[in-house]
Each structure stands twice: as C-alpha cells, then as structure tokens.
C-alpha cells in the first residue's frame, strides 16, 4: 500500500513539476493567445512584477519602456523554458519568489504588475491581489488577461461542474472565478476591459483582458 501511494505521488509530481508547465507553454503560446497578451500589455512601463511568470511568454510583448521584470512562479522548470526568451529581452529579469500571495518586494517598489492566466490557479486570489496593491506604487497599473467565469448561465453551470476536476488535473486551476469582480474588489480601478469567448469549448475559453490602476 505504501509503495502504491508513493508511486502515485511520484506520477503527480512529474505531471505538476515537469509535464504541465510544458503543456501550458504550448497551449498558451499560440498566436490567438499572444494577441490577448499584446492587448493587455500596451502602455506598461518601468519596473514590473509578474506573479505566474511561467515560461516568460509575456516578455516578447512588453514595450521597450519596461526596465526590469520581477518574476514570481513556483514552477522551477519554467525558468529553463524561459531562458531563451529572457536572453532575448532588452531588460533584466530577476526571479524573486515562488508565491504570488507573499511577494518579497518593498511597498510601492513597482510601477506595474502583470497577471496572465494566473488568478485562476493562485489559491487565495484576494491575497495575491492585495500583495500587488502593496507593491505597485500609487498610480501604477495592473495589466491582466485571464480566463474565468462566463456571463452565460448555461456555460457558467458547466464551469462550476467541471472546476473540481480541473483543479486536480491543472494544479489548482479554477474555470469559474469572476476576474473583473476580483480585481475591482481588491481596490483597483479598472480603466478598460474587454471580454469574449476565444474558441471552444466555451467553459475554458472566456477571456477577460484589461488595465486597472492602483489608486493614489
């Protein structure tokens, strides 16, 4: 019995730490998804903190006005996958932590924050957003694109049904989090927002992108 549990644990660790990050790199690196990344990153500048940095898929879309990125991500394999993208960047990328709920940065130390397909997985989304408000200077911006709760009742019902399984196979990923509501409730002032379905199935493809400001 102990051997079986150990084997299952090893398989899950292999999936979570090695295979899943590579799958995410492929599925979230398509042209369609990249177009949404570009939308949310317009106008970003200065020192940026990015919880859920992953394999660095946002780097190529960041403007030249970005001077440094503080990368936060629990998946160590992401750093290896990101190596080429980091080398090609015109700014410095510094890995500073593993947990978006506890950023190892000083208050008001960043000009902007980035969240792309990250709020779905962080266990306590509210805590992560509170940390972003703490480290982003007053007047700074939060740029985001996330998948989340759909506006259609039938689709939302399926999201609620599927989410428990999704959390197990996708390392805690929720399909049904209300992205704009979470960001607004954290105290950010949303300046622009765009949301729509991006392909099928609808339960996993309702995207919300936007820019919110940390009030002065």
Foldseek 3Di string as FASTA:
>chain_A
DVVVVVVVVVVLCCLQQPVLLVVCCVVCLDPLNVVQLLVLQPPAAEEEEEEVCRQVSSQVNHDPRHAEYAYEAQHPVSCVSNVVVQVPHPHHYHHQYHALLDGPAAFQQGQEYEEEQHCQAHPDSLSSLLVRLRHHHAFGKYWYKHAAADPDPVLNVVQVVCQVVCCSNNVRGRLHDPVVVSNVVSPWAWDDKDWDADDDDSSRGIMMTGMTGNHD
